Amino acid sequence: MPLNAIELAKLFHDKNPGMTQGHRMCPGCAAPNVVRFALMTAIAKGYEPVVGLATGCLEVSTTIYPYTSWNVPYIHNAFENVAATISGVETAYRALVKKGEIDKDKKYAFFAFGGDGGTYDIGLQSLSGAVERGHKFIYIVYDNEGYMNTGNQRSGATPPGSDTTTAPVGKKLPGKLQLKKNLVEIMAAHENVYVATVSISEPMDFMKKIEKALEFDGPSFIAAYSPCVRFWRVNDDKSVEVSRLAIETLYWPLYEVERGVYRVTKKITNPKPVAEYIKAQGRFKPLLSRPDAQEIIDELQEYVKIRYERLLALEEVTKDKPIR
């Protein structure tokens, strides 16, 4: 039975869903809500979460020694190896069940969380290996489109035109020239996997996909849109608004891929221009002062439009045709 908001409110009104208050993430940061939505769903469905966390904003701000914001089993590893670590934990769990040392009827959910470094770039090899081996775990990237923990450096997730310290927008170059790495499609190409995009502006869609990941017999990868108010240069009360605008402009389409079958989970029939999304964030302000700004915006507009049309076509052509 799918969860609903009233049930969740009753269940968690007096307790923290795996991550407590008092962490030191920036006000308005989306990452804590990404974690809470995921762990809340698992706990509500009867699972005990076990968390691995890559180095990054979320890690350094929730585990400042001697304090921690986590009240579930938790392991911190480096940028590059959280997927390997959580796959080892999952393997150890299966071995202990086989030996009869852990109750086989008790449900555990193995989560790994990572940012851009731990997922798009430095940790991609480890993530790919863990997914290819078929471990049953859920990897969630809180996608803030840059190396925010160390001061807003460019990553594989950074979109073109966004001002960063290592690819600044200036007179000669409009910031990063390359498109954002399509990591969701890279993960979907591993075949026997459940992959989805989510956003904090659509919590029930988010939780429904976590439910699917919990039930999926194999690895799952969830890409969570996660505004960084500090370096996206937006007010700390605008995370949800910006997240919603990303969906409405087709910049962040909500969809899932289950063993090769595509489903667009929120159809946008009248998309807003991507320029609205760009103009809502200060990180694109230097771009807007360039004489070629409109040309760059038009290129991004064409890209998101074609990508969305491709997703709709893939939904139609893969309907009822799973890989396995």
C-alpha atoms as a PDB file:
ATOM      1  CA  MET A   1       0.000   0.000   0.000  1.00  0.00           C
ATOM      2  CA  PRO A   2       1.591   3.344  -1.029  1.00  0.00           C
ATOM      3  CA  LEU A   3       2.408   5.787   1.732  1.00  0.00           C
ATOM      4  CA  ASN A   4       0.466   8.998   2.142  1.00  0.00           C
ATOM      5  CA  ALA A   5       1.339  12.299   3.802  1.00  0.00           C
ATOM      6  CA  ILE A   6      -1.117  11.869   6.698  1.00  0.00           C
ATOM      7  CA  GLU A   7       0.318   8.466   7.678  1.00  0.00           C
ATOM      8  CA  LEU A   8       3.854   9.852   7.562  1.00  0.00           C
ATOM      9  CA  ALA A   9       2.924  12.889   9.653  1.00  0.00           C
ATOM     10  CA  LYS A  10       1.395  10.644  12.317  1.00  0.00           C
ATOM     11  CA  LEU A  11       4.392   8.317  12.335  1.00  0.00           C
ATOM     12  CA  PHE A  12       7.130  10.961  12.498  1.00  0.00           C
ATOM     13  CA  HIS A  13       5.542  13.880  14.350  1.00  0.00           C
ATOM     14  CA  ASP A  14       7.567  13.128  17.489  1.00  0.00           C
ATOM     15  CA  LYS A  15      10.746  11.494  16.164  1.00  0.00           C
ATOM     16  CA  ASN A  16      13.567  12.081  13.713  1.00  0.00           C
ATOM     17  CA  PRO A  17      13.625   9.874  10.623  1.00  0.00           C
ATOM     18  CA  GLY A  18      17.246   8.774  10.811  1.00  0.00           C
ATOM     19  CA  MET A  19      18.797  12.238  10.786  1.00  0.00           C
ATOM     20  CA  THR A  20      18.247  14.642  13.658  1.00  0.00           C
ATOM     21  CA  GLN A  21      17.869  18.375  13.910  1.00  0.00           C
ATOM     22  CA  GLY A  22      20.920  20.446  14.778  1.00  0.00           C
ATOM     23  CA  HIS A  23      23.057  19.579  11.754  1.00  0.00           C
ATOM     24  CA  ARG A  24      25.086  22.417  10.263  1.00  0.00           C
ATOM     25  CA  MET A  25      23.960  22.376   6.667  1.00  0.00           C
ATOM     26  CA  CYS A  26      23.144  25.826   5.286  1.00  0.00           C
ATOM     27  CA  PRO A  27      19.607  27.105   5.923  1.00  0.00           C
ATOM     28  CA  GLY A  28      17.539  26.159   2.887  1.00  0.00           C
ATOM     29  CA  CYS A  29      19.860  23.374   1.711  1.00  0.00           C
ATOM     30  CA  ALA A  30      17.866  20.592   0.050  1.00  0.00           C
ATOM     31  CA  ALA A  31      20.211  17.733   0.982  1.00  0.00           C
ATOM     32  CA  PRO A  32      18.801  17.092   4.509  1.00  0.00           C
ATOM     33  CA  ASN A  33      15.308  16.759   3.048  1.00  0.00           C
ATOM     34  CA  VAL A  34      16.624  14.351   0.419  1.00  0.00           C
ATOM     35  CA  VAL A  35      17.951  12.162   3.240  1.00  0.00           C
ATOM     36  CA  ARG A  36      14.829  12.467   5.366  1.00  0.00           C
ATOM     37  CA  PHE A  37      12.425  11.623   2.546  1.00  0.00           C
ATOM     38  CA  ALA A  38      14.429   8.480   1.775  1.00  0.00           C
ATOM     39  CA  LEU A  39      14.918   7.248   5.347  1.00  0.00           C
ATOM     40  CA  MET A  40      11.382   8.190   6.376  1.00  0.00           C
ATOM     41  CA  THR A  41       9.999   6.015   3.584  1.00  0.00           C
ATOM     42  CA  ALA A  42      12.207   3.062   4.515  1.00  0.00           C
ATOM     43  CA  ILE A  43      11.326   3.245   8.212  1.00  0.00           C
ATOM     44  CA  ALA A  44       7.615   3.637   7.466  1.00  0.00           C
ATOM     45  CA  LYS A  45       7.770   0.479   5.315  1.00  0.00           C
ATOM     46  CA  GLY A  46       9.355  -1.520   8.148  1.00  0.00           C
ATOM     47  CA  TYR A  47      13.026  -1.350   7.122  1.00  0.00           C
ATOM     48  CA  GLU A  48      15.984  -0.520   9.343  1.00  0.00           C
ATOM     49  CA  PRO A  49      18.223   1.806   7.326  1.00  0.00           C
ATOM     50  CA  VAL A  50      21.994   1.382   7.185  1.00  0.00           C
ATOM     51  CA  VAL A  51      23.741   4.432   5.722  1.00  0.00           C
ATOM     52  CA  GLY A  52      27.036   4.966   3.948  1.00  0.00           C
ATOM     53  CA  LEU A  53      28.007   8.569   3.198  1.00  0.00           C
ATOM     54  CA  ALA A  54      30.723   9.894   0.908  1.00  0.00           C
ATOM     55  CA  THR A  55      32.823  12.888   1.851  1.00  0.00           C
ATOM     56  CA  GLY A  56      31.050  16.123   0.957  1.00  0.00           C
ATOM     57  CA  CYS A  57      28.837  18.904   2.325  1.00  0.00           C
ATOM     58  CA  LEU A  58      26.400  16.469   3.877  1.00  0.00           C
ATOM     59  CA  GLU A  59      29.139  14.510   5.619  1.00  0.00           C
ATOM     60  CA  VAL A  60      31.196  17.357   7.034  1.00  0.00           C
ATOM     61  CA  SER A  61      28.127  19.231   8.270  1.00  0.00           C
ATOM     62  CA  THR A  62      26.370  16.311   9.958  1.00  0.00           C
ATOM     63  CA  THR A  63      29.332  14.629  11.675  1.00  0.00           C
ATOM     64  CA  ILE A  64      31.388  17.361  13.316  1.00  0.00           C
ATOM     65  CA  TYR A  65      33.370  15.450  15.944  1.00  0.00           C
ATOM     66  CA  PRO A  66      32.359  14.607  18.640  1.00  0.00           C
ATOM     67  CA  TYR A  67      28.768  15.086  17.436  1.00  0.00           C
ATOM     68  CA  THR A  68      26.637  13.341  14.826  1.00  0.00           C
ATOM     69  CA  SER A  69      23.210  14.017  13.347  1.00  0.00           C
ATOM     70  CA  TRP A  70      22.677  10.378  12.389  1.00  0.00           C
ATOM     71  CA  ASN A  71      20.667   8.046  14.621  1.00  0.00           C
ATOM     72  CA  VAL A  72      20.828   5.024  12.317  1.00  0.00           C
ATOM     73  CA  PRO A  73      23.863   2.775  11.615  1.00  0.00           C
ATOM     74  CA  TYR A  74      26.240   5.017   9.661  1.00  0.00           C
ATOM     75  CA  ILE A  75      29.621   4.736   7.900  1.00  0.00           C
ATOM     76  CA  HIS A  76      31.621   7.608   6.447  1.00  0.00           C
ATOM     77  CA  ASN A  77      34.072   6.896   3.666  1.00  0.00           C
ATOM     78  CA  ALA A  78      36.097   8.976   1.270  1.00  0.00           C
ATOM     79  CA  PHE A  79      34.818  10.630  -1.906  1.00  0.00           C
ATOM     80  CA  GLU A  80      35.566   7.627  -4.064  1.00  0.00           C
ATOM     81  CA  ASN A  81      34.417   4.509  -2.251  1.00  0.00           C
ATOM     82  CA  VAL A  82      31.035   4.783  -0.538  1.00  0.00           C
ATOM     83  CA  ALA A  83      29.410   2.451  -3.097  1.00  0.00           C
ATOM     84  CA  ALA A  84      32.129  -0.168  -2.524  1.00  0.00           C
ATOM     85  CA  THR A  85      31.686   0.169   1.232  1.00  0.00           C
ATOM     86  CA  ILE A  86      27.907  -0.205   1.250  1.00  0.00           C
ATOM     87  CA  SER A  87      28.176  -3.155  -1.163  1.00  0.00           C
ATOM     88  CA  GLY A  88      30.545  -4.783   1.355  1.00  0.00           C
ATOM     89  CA  VAL A  89      28.070  -4.167   4.166  1.00  0.00           C
ATOM     90  CA  GLU A  90      25.278  -5.703   2.094  1.00  0.00           C
ATOM     91  CA  THR A  91      27.471  -8.743   1.348  1.00  0.00           C
ATOM     92  CA  ALA A  92      28.335  -9.137   5.035  1.00  0.00           C
ATOM     93  CA  TYR A  93      24.622  -8.982   5.867  1.00  0.00           C
ATOM     94  CA  ARG A  94      23.832 -11.818   3.430  1.00  0.00           C
ATOM     95  CA  ALA A  95      26.684 -13.903   4.848  1.00  0.00           C
ATOM     96  CA  LEU A  96      25.452 -13.387   8.420  1.00  0.00           C
ATOM     97  CA  VAL A  97      21.904 -14.317   7.421  1.00  0.00           C
ATOM     98  CA  LYS A  98      23.247 -17.485   5.810  1.00  0.00           C
ATOM     99  CA  LYS A  99      25.087 -18.336   9.043  1.00  0.00           C
ATOM    100  CA  GLY A 100      21.946 -17.732  11.056  1.00  0.00           C
ATOM    101  CA  GLU A 101      23.500 -14.843  12.998  1.00  0.00           C
ATOM    102  CA  ILE A 102      20.955 -12.288  11.738  1.00  0.00           C
ATOM    103  CA  ASP A 103      17.206 -12.838  11.580  1.00  0.00           C
ATOM    104  CA  LYS A 104      16.372 -13.333   7.891  1.00  0.00           C
ATOM    105  CA  ASP A 105      12.882 -11.901   8.430  1.00  0.00           C
ATOM    106  CA  LYS A 106      14.166  -8.543   9.684  1.00  0.00           C
ATOM    107  CA  LYS A 107      14.245  -6.011   6.853  1.00  0.00           C
ATOM    108  CA  TYR A 108      17.297  -3.813   6.277  1.00  0.00           C
ATOM    109  CA  ALA A 109      17.692  -1.067   3.681  1.00  0.00           C
ATOM    110  CA  PHE A 110      21.250  -0.240   2.592  1.00  0.00           C
ATOM    111  CA  PHE A 111      21.612   3.383   1.490  1.00  0.00           C
ATOM    112  CA  ALA A 112      24.605   5.232   0.074  1.00  0.00           C
ATOM    113  CA  PHE A 113      24.529   9.011  -0.258  1.00  0.00           C
ATOM    114  CA  GLY A 114      26.970  11.116  -2.234  1.00  0.00           C
ATOM    115  CA  GLY A 115      27.322  14.511  -3.850  1.00  0.00           C
ATOM    116  CA  ASP A 116      28.886  15.412  -7.174  1.00  0.00           C
ATOM    117  CA  GLY A 117      32.396  14.279  -6.265  1.00  0.00           C
ATOM    118  CA  GLY A 118      31.292  11.004  -4.724  1.00  0.00           C
ATOM    119  CA  THR A 119      28.990  10.225  -7.633  1.00  0.00           C
ATOM    120  CA  TYR A 120      29.486  12.051 -10.944  1.00  0.00           C
ATOM    121  CA  ASP A 121      33.267  12.142 -10.901  1.00  0.00           C
ATOM    122  CA  ILE A 122      35.582  10.704  -8.242  1.00  0.00           C
ATOM    123  CA  GLY A 123      33.255   7.904  -7.129  1.00  0.00           C
ATOM    124  CA  LEU A 124      31.808   6.862 -10.498  1.00  0.00           C
ATOM    125  CA  GLN A 125      34.068   3.822 -10.935  1.00  0.00           C
ATOM    126  CA  SER A 126      33.163   2.471  -7.484  1.00  0.00           C
ATOM    127  CA  LEU A 127      29.446   3.116  -8.094  1.00  0.00           C
ATOM    128  CA  SER A 128      29.485   1.427 -11.506  1.00  0.00           C
ATOM    129  CA  GLY A 129      31.272  -1.612 -10.096  1.00  0.00           C
ATOM    130  CA  ALA A 130      28.826  -2.027  -7.204  1.00  0.00           C
ATOM    131  CA  VAL A 131      25.821  -1.734  -9.513  1.00  0.00           C
ATOM    132  CA  GLU A 132      27.311  -4.112 -12.109  1.00  0.00           C
ATOM    133  CA  ARG A 133      27.873  -6.726  -9.382  1.00  0.00           C
ATOM    134  CA  GLY A 134      24.171  -6.537  -8.537  1.00  0.00           C
ATOM    135  CA  HIS A 135      24.252  -5.678  -4.833  1.00  0.00           C
ATOM    136  CA  LYS A 136      20.873  -4.762  -3.386  1.00  0.00           C
ATOM    137  CA  PHE A 137      21.350  -1.191  -2.213  1.00  0.00           C
ATOM    138  CA  ILE A 138      20.017   2.280  -2.968  1.00  0.00           C
ATOM    139  CA  TYR A 139      22.475   4.951  -4.059  1.00  0.00           C
ATOM    140  CA  ILE A 140      21.170   8.536  -3.838  1.00  0.00           C
ATOM    141  CA  VAL A 141      23.074  11.483  -5.271  1.00  0.00           C
ATOM    142  CA  TYR A 142      22.095  14.859  -3.844  1.00  0.00           C
ATOM    143  CA  ASP A 143      22.836  16.715  -7.046  1.00  0.00           C
ATOM    144  CA  ASN A 144      23.886  20.316  -6.331  1.00  0.00           C
ATOM    145  CA  GLU A 145      25.823  20.644  -9.585  1.00  0.00           C
ATOM    146  CA  GLY A 146      29.262  21.467  -8.246  1.00  0.00           C
ATOM    147  CA  TYR A 147      31.902  20.862  -5.600  1.00  0.00           C
ATOM    148  CA  MET A 148      30.120  23.019  -3.048  1.00  0.00           C
ATOM    149  CA  ASN A 149      31.842  21.738   0.093  1.00  0.00           C
ATOM    150  CA  THR A 150      35.173  23.106  -1.131  1.00  0.00           C
ATOM    151  CA  GLY A 151      33.902  26.385  -2.555  1.00  0.00           C
ATOM    152  CA  ASN A 152      31.917  25.975  -5.790  1.00  0.00           C
ATOM    153  CA  GLN A 153      34.272  24.268  -8.223  1.00  0.00           C
ATOM    154  CA  ARG A 154      33.064  22.881 -11.528  1.00  0.00           C
ATOM    155  CA  SER A 155      31.994  19.209 -11.610  1.00  0.00           C
ATOM    156  CA  GLY A 156      30.653  16.829 -14.235  1.00  0.00           C
ATOM    157  CA  ALA A 157      27.185  17.855 -13.076  1.00  0.00           C
ATOM    158  CA  THR A 158      27.693  21.614 -13.576  1.00  0.00           C
ATOM    159  CA  PRO A 159      25.539  23.038 -16.390  1.00  0.00           C
ATOM    160  CA  PRO A 160      26.938  25.363 -19.068  1.00  0.00           C
ATOM    161  CA  GLY A 161      26.839  29.044 -18.160  1.00  0.00           C
ATOM    162  CA  SER A 162      26.975  28.497 -14.412  1.00  0.00           C
ATOM    163  CA  ASP A 163      29.657  30.594 -12.711  1.00  0.00           C
ATOM    164  CA  THR A 164      32.180  28.490 -10.731  1.00  0.00           C
ATOM    165  CA  THR A 165      35.641  29.182  -9.329  1.00  0.00           C
ATOM    166  CA  THR A 166      37.409  26.763 -11.698  1.00  0.00           C
ATOM    167  CA  ALA A 167      35.347  27.638 -14.790  1.00  0.00           C
ATOM    168  CA  PRO A 168      34.341  31.255 -14.159  1.00  0.00           C
ATOM    169  CA  VAL A 169      32.155  33.243 -16.500  1.00  0.00           C
ATOM    170  CA  GLY A 170      34.350  36.000 -17.946  1.00  0.00           C
ATOM    171  CA  LYS A 171      35.039  38.026 -21.072  1.00  0.00           C
ATOM    172  CA  LYS A 172      36.570  35.129 -23.001  1.00  0.00           C
ATOM    173  CA  LEU A 173      34.574  32.103 -21.834  1.00  0.00           C
ATOM    174  CA  PRO A 174      30.961  31.718 -20.645  1.00  0.00           C
ATOM    175  CA  GLY A 175      31.914  29.401 -17.787  1.00  0.00           C
ATOM    176  CA  LYS A 176      31.774  25.653 -18.354  1.00  0.00           C
ATOM    177  CA  LEU A 177      31.347  24.854 -22.044  1.00  0.00           C
ATOM    178  CA  GLN A 178      30.196  21.238 -21.722  1.00  0.00           C
ATOM    179  CA  LEU A 179      26.685  20.007 -21.017  1.00  0.00           C
ATOM    180  CA  LYS A 180      25.888  18.406 -17.672  1.00  0.00           C
ATOM    181  CA  LYS A 181      26.910  14.737 -17.619  1.00  0.00           C
ATOM    182  CA  ASN A 182      23.831  12.548 -18.102  1.00  0.00           C
ATOM    183  CA  LEU A 183      24.583  10.250 -15.190  1.00  0.00           C
ATOM    184  CA  VAL A 184      21.050   8.866 -15.003  1.00  0.00           C
ATOM    185  CA  GLU A 185      21.412   7.363 -18.466  1.00  0.00           C
ATOM    186  CA  ILE A 186      24.880   6.040 -17.617  1.00  0.00           C
ATOM    187  CA  MET A 187      23.406   4.185 -14.632  1.00  0.00           C
ATOM    188  CA  ALA A 188      20.385   2.982 -16.617  1.00  0.00           C
ATOM    189  CA  ALA A 189      22.809   1.413 -19.114  1.00  0.00           C
ATOM    190  CA  HIS A 190      23.826  -1.102 -16.424  1.00  0.00           C
ATOM    191  CA  GLU A 191      20.628  -2.940 -17.451  1.00  0.00           C
ATOM    192  CA  ASN A 192      19.522  -4.859 -14.335  1.00  0.00           C
ATOM    193  CA  VAL A 193      18.893  -1.745 -12.264  1.00  0.00           C
ATOM    194  CA  TYR A 194      16.166   0.624 -11.110  1.00  0.00           C
ATOM    195  CA  VAL A 195      16.977   4.275 -11.839  1.00  0.00           C
ATOM    196  CA  ALA A 196      14.924   7.401 -11.133  1.00  0.00           C
ATOM    197  CA  THR A 197      15.066  11.173 -10.840  1.00  0.00           C
ATOM    198  CA  VAL A 198      13.370  12.907  -7.910  1.00  0.00           C
ATOM    199  CA  SER A 199      12.896  16.379  -6.471  1.00  0.00           C
ATOM    200  CA  ILE A 200      12.049  17.749  -3.028  1.00  0.00           C
ATOM    201  CA  SER A 201       9.272  19.780  -4.682  1.00  0.00           C
ATOM    202  CA  GLU A 202       7.441  16.495  -5.462  1.00  0.00           C
ATOM    203  CA  PRO A 203       7.682  14.558  -2.161  1.00  0.00           C
ATOM    204  CA  MET A 204       5.088  11.888  -2.916  1.00  0.00           C
ATOM    205  CA  ASP A 205       6.700  11.098  -6.292  1.00  0.00           C
ATOM    206  CA  PHE A 206      10.037  10.979  -4.422  1.00  0.00           C
ATOM    207  CA  MET A 207       8.762   8.566  -1.772  1.00  0.00           C
ATOM    208  CA  LYS A 208       6.964   6.367  -4.283  1.00  0.00           C
ATOM    209  CA  LYS A 209      10.269   5.886  -6.126  1.00  0.00           C
ATOM    210  CA  ILE A 210      12.064   5.054  -2.870  1.00  0.00           C
ATOM    211  CA  GLU A 211       9.356   2.437  -2.227  1.00  0.00           C
ATOM    212  CA  LYS A 212      10.041   0.943  -5.658  1.00  0.00           C
ATOM    213  CA  ALA A 213      13.775   0.948  -4.964  1.00  0.00           C
ATOM    214  CA  LEU A 214      13.217  -0.817  -1.628  1.00  0.00           C
ATOM    215  CA  GLU A 215      11.208  -3.545  -3.344  1.00  0.00           C
ATOM    216  CA  PHE A 216      13.445  -3.860  -6.413  1.00  0.00           C
ATOM    217  CA  ASP A 217      15.481  -7.078  -6.454  1.00  0.00           C
ATOM    218  CA  GLY A 218      18.812  -5.482  -7.229  1.00  0.00           C
ATOM    219  CA  PRO A 219      20.655  -2.138  -7.162  1.00  0.00           C
ATOM    220  CA  SER A 220      18.848   1.201  -7.414  1.00  0.00           C
ATOM    221  CA  PHE A 221      20.136   4.645  -8.307  1.00  0.00           C
ATOM    222  CA  ILE A 222      18.219   7.813  -7.437  1.00  0.00           C
ATOM    223  CA  ALA A 223      19.259  11.261  -8.699  1.00  0.00           C
ATOM    224  CA  ALA A 224      17.825  13.904  -6.365  1.00  0.00           C
ATOM    225  CA  TYR A 225      17.759  17.522  -7.506  1.00  0.00           C
ATOM    226  CA  SER A 226      19.312  19.403  -4.578  1.00  0.00           C
ATOM    227  CA  PRO A 227      19.674  23.208  -4.761  1.00  0.00           C
ATOM    228  CA  CYS A 228      22.716  24.715  -3.054  1.00  0.00           C
ATOM    229  CA  VAL A 229      21.397  28.088  -1.870  1.00  0.00           C
ATOM    230  CA  ARG A 230      24.902  29.305  -1.041  1.00  0.00           C
ATOM    231  CA  PHE A 231      26.479  28.921  -4.467  1.00  0.00           C
ATOM    232  CA  TRP A 232      23.388  28.951  -6.659  1.00  0.00           C
ATOM    233  CA  ARG A 233      22.866  32.423  -5.177  1.00  0.00           C
ATOM    234  CA  VAL A 234      19.206  31.965  -4.257  1.00  0.00           C
ATOM    235  CA  ASN A 235      17.404  32.945  -1.067  1.00  0.00           C
ATOM    236  CA  ASP A 236      17.337  30.254   1.603  1.00  0.00           C
ATOM    237  CA  ASP A 237      13.540  29.972   1.332  1.00  0.00           C
ATOM    238  CA  LYS A 238      13.608  29.288  -2.428  1.00  0.00           C
ATOM    239  CA  SER A 239      14.840  25.671  -2.651  1.00  0.00           C
ATOM    240  CA  VAL A 240      11.405  24.210  -3.325  1.00  0.00           C
ATOM    241  CA  GLU A 241      10.478  27.002  -5.727  1.00  0.00           C
ATOM    242  CA  VAL A 242      13.668  26.576  -7.771  1.00  0.00           C
ATOM    243  CA  SER A 243      13.210  22.786  -7.715  1.00  0.00           C
ATOM    244  CA  ARG A 244       9.698  23.133  -9.083  1.00  0.00           C
ATOM    245  CA  LEU A 245      10.876  25.545 -11.775  1.00  0.00           C
ATOM    246  CA  ALA A 246      13.528  23.035 -12.864  1.00  0.00           C
ATOM    247  CA  ILE A 247      10.760  20.517 -13.538  1.00  0.00           C
ATOM    248  CA  GLU A 248       8.414  23.006 -15.209  1.00  0.00           C
ATOM    249  CA  THR A 249      11.134  24.147 -17.641  1.00  0.00           C
ATOM    250  CA  LEU A 250      12.146  20.531 -18.478  1.00  0.00           C
ATOM    251  CA  TYR A 251      15.600  21.171 -17.020  1.00  0.00           C
ATOM    252  CA  TRP A 252      15.023  18.334 -14.505  1.00  0.00           C
ATOM    253  CA  PRO A 253      12.524  15.831 -15.937  1.00  0.00           C
ATOM    254  CA  LEU A 254      10.998  13.362 -13.495  1.00  0.00           C
ATOM    255  CA  TYR A 255      11.216   9.819 -14.820  1.00  0.00           C
ATOM    256  CA  GLU A 256      12.256   6.280 -13.980  1.00  0.00           C
ATOM    257  CA  VAL A 257      13.929   3.412 -15.804  1.00  0.00           C
ATOM    258  CA  GLU A 258      13.228  -0.114 -14.577  1.00  0.00           C
ATOM    259  CA  ARG A 259      15.315  -2.750 -16.358  1.00  0.00           C
ATOM    260  CA  GLY A 260      15.265  -0.661 -19.533  1.00  0.00           C
ATOM    261  CA  VAL A 261      11.603   0.387 -19.391  1.00  0.00           C
ATOM    262  CA  TYR A 262      11.186   4.165 -19.317  1.00  0.00           C
ATOM    263  CA  ARG A 263       8.319   6.012 -17.592  1.00  0.00           C
ATOM    264  CA  VAL A 264       7.972   9.786 -17.390  1.00  0.00           C
ATOM    265  CA  THR A 265       6.310  10.195 -14.002  1.00  0.00           C
ATOM    266  CA  LYS A 266       5.321  13.852 -14.337  1.00  0.00           C
ATOM    267  CA  LYS A 267       4.295  15.007 -17.776  1.00  0.00           C
ATOM    268  CA  ILE A 268       4.827  18.695 -18.580  1.00  0.00           C
ATOM    269  CA  THR A 269       2.442  19.731 -21.344  1.00  0.00           C
ATOM    270  CA  ASN A 270       3.127  23.463 -21.289  1.00  0.00           C
ATOM    271  CA  PRO A 271       6.783  23.907 -20.304  1.00  0.00           C
ATOM    272  CA  LYS A 272       8.066  27.270 -19.171  1.00  0.00           C
ATOM    273  CA  PRO A 273      11.091  28.704 -21.000  1.00  0.00           C
ATOM    274  CA  VAL A 274      14.406  27.614 -19.528  1.00  0.00           C
ATOM    275  CA  ALA A 275      15.341  31.309 -19.336  1.00  0.00           C
ATOM    276  CA  GLU A 276      13.021  31.606 -16.318  1.00  0.00           C
ATOM    277  CA  TYR A 277      15.049  28.961 -14.528  1.00  0.00           C
ATOM    278  CA  ILE A 278      18.349  30.659 -15.383  1.00  0.00           C
ATOM    279  CA  LYS A 279      17.196  34.140 -14.368  1.00  0.00           C
ATOM    280  CA  ALA A 280      15.988  32.861 -10.985  1.00  0.00           C
ATOM    281  CA  GLN A 281      19.561  32.034  -9.864  1.00  0.00           C
ATOM    282  CA  GLY A 282      22.480  34.336  -9.172  1.00  0.00           C
ATOM    283  CA  ARG A 283      25.014  31.767 -10.400  1.00  0.00           C
ATOM    284  CA  PHE A 284      23.904  32.605 -13.956  1.00  0.00           C
ATOM    285  CA  LYS A 285      24.027  36.389 -13.444  1.00  0.00           C
ATOM    286  CA  PRO A 286      27.527  36.799 -14.944  1.00  0.00           C
ATOM    287  CA  LEU A 287      26.346  34.858 -18.005  1.00  0.00           C
ATOM    288  CA  LEU A 288      23.433  37.237 -18.542  1.00  0.00           C
ATOM    289  CA  SER A 289      25.835  40.171 -18.876  1.00  0.00           C
ATOM    290  CA  ARG A 290      27.620  38.562 -21.833  1.00  0.00           C
ATOM    291  CA  PRO A 291      26.646  39.584 -25.408  1.00  0.00           C
ATOM    292  CA  ASP A 292      26.196  35.911 -26.362  1.00  0.00           C
ATOM    293  CA  ALA A 293      23.958  35.073 -23.362  1.00  0.00           C
ATOM    294  CA  GLN A 294      20.834  34.550 -25.443  1.00  0.00           C
ATOM    295  CA  GLU A 295      22.676  32.211 -27.801  1.00  0.00           C
ATOM    296  CA  ILE A 296      23.800  30.027 -24.864  1.00  0.00           C
ATOM    297  CA  ILE A 297      20.312  30.049 -23.317  1.00  0.00           C
ATOM    298  CA  ASP A 298      18.790  29.084 -26.690  1.00  0.00           C
ATOM    299  CA  GLU A 299      21.209  26.151 -26.977  1.00  0.00           C
ATOM    300  CA  LEU A 300      20.227  24.932 -23.508  1.00  0.00           C
ATOM    301  CA  GLN A 301      16.559  25.416 -24.370  1.00  0.00           C
ATOM    302  CA  GLU A 302      16.908  23.267 -27.471  1.00  0.00           C
ATOM    303  CA  TYR A 303      18.808  20.603 -25.524  1.00  0.00           C
ATOM    304  CA  VAL A 304      16.219  20.225 -22.728  1.00  0.00           C
ATOM    305  CA  LYS A 305      13.389  20.179 -25.288  1.00  0.00           C
ATOM    306  CA  ILE A 306      14.989  17.436 -27.398  1.00  0.00           C
ATOM    307  CA  ARG A 307      15.978  15.426 -24.308  1.00  0.00           C
ATOM    308  CA  TYR A 308      12.382  15.506 -23.042  1.00  0.00           C
ATOM    309  CA  GLU A 309      11.023  14.462 -26.443  1.00  0.00           C
ATOM    310  CA  ARG A 310      13.531  11.607 -26.424  1.00  0.00           C
ATOM    311  CA  LEU A 311      12.328  10.477 -22.975  1.00  0.00           C
ATOM    312  CA  LEU A 312       8.721  10.439 -24.192  1.00  0.00           C
ATOM    313  CA  ALA A 313       9.797   8.413 -27.242  1.00  0.00           C
ATOM    314  CA  LEU A 314      11.725   5.960 -25.044  1.00  0.00           C
ATOM    315  CA  GLU A 315       8.691   5.605 -22.799  1.00  0.00           C
ATOM    316  CA  GLU A 316       6.592   4.616 -25.802  1.00  0.00           C
ATOM    317  CA  VAL A 317       9.099   2.294 -27.462  1.00  0.00           C
ATOM    318  CA  THR A 318      10.142   0.421 -24.278  1.00  0.00           C
ATOM    319  CA  LYS A 319       6.635  -0.008 -22.903  1.00  0.00           C
ATOM    320  CA  ASP A 320       6.245  -3.560 -21.572  1.00  0.00           C
ATOM    321  CA  LYS A 321       9.695  -4.514 -22.880  1.00  0.00           C
ATOM    322  CA  PRO A 322      11.955  -5.061 -19.848  1.00  0.00           C
ATOM    323  CA  ILE A 323      15.542  -6.157 -20.426  1.00  0.00           C
ATOM    324  CA  ARG A 324      15.002  -9.054 -18.021  1.00  0.00           C
END
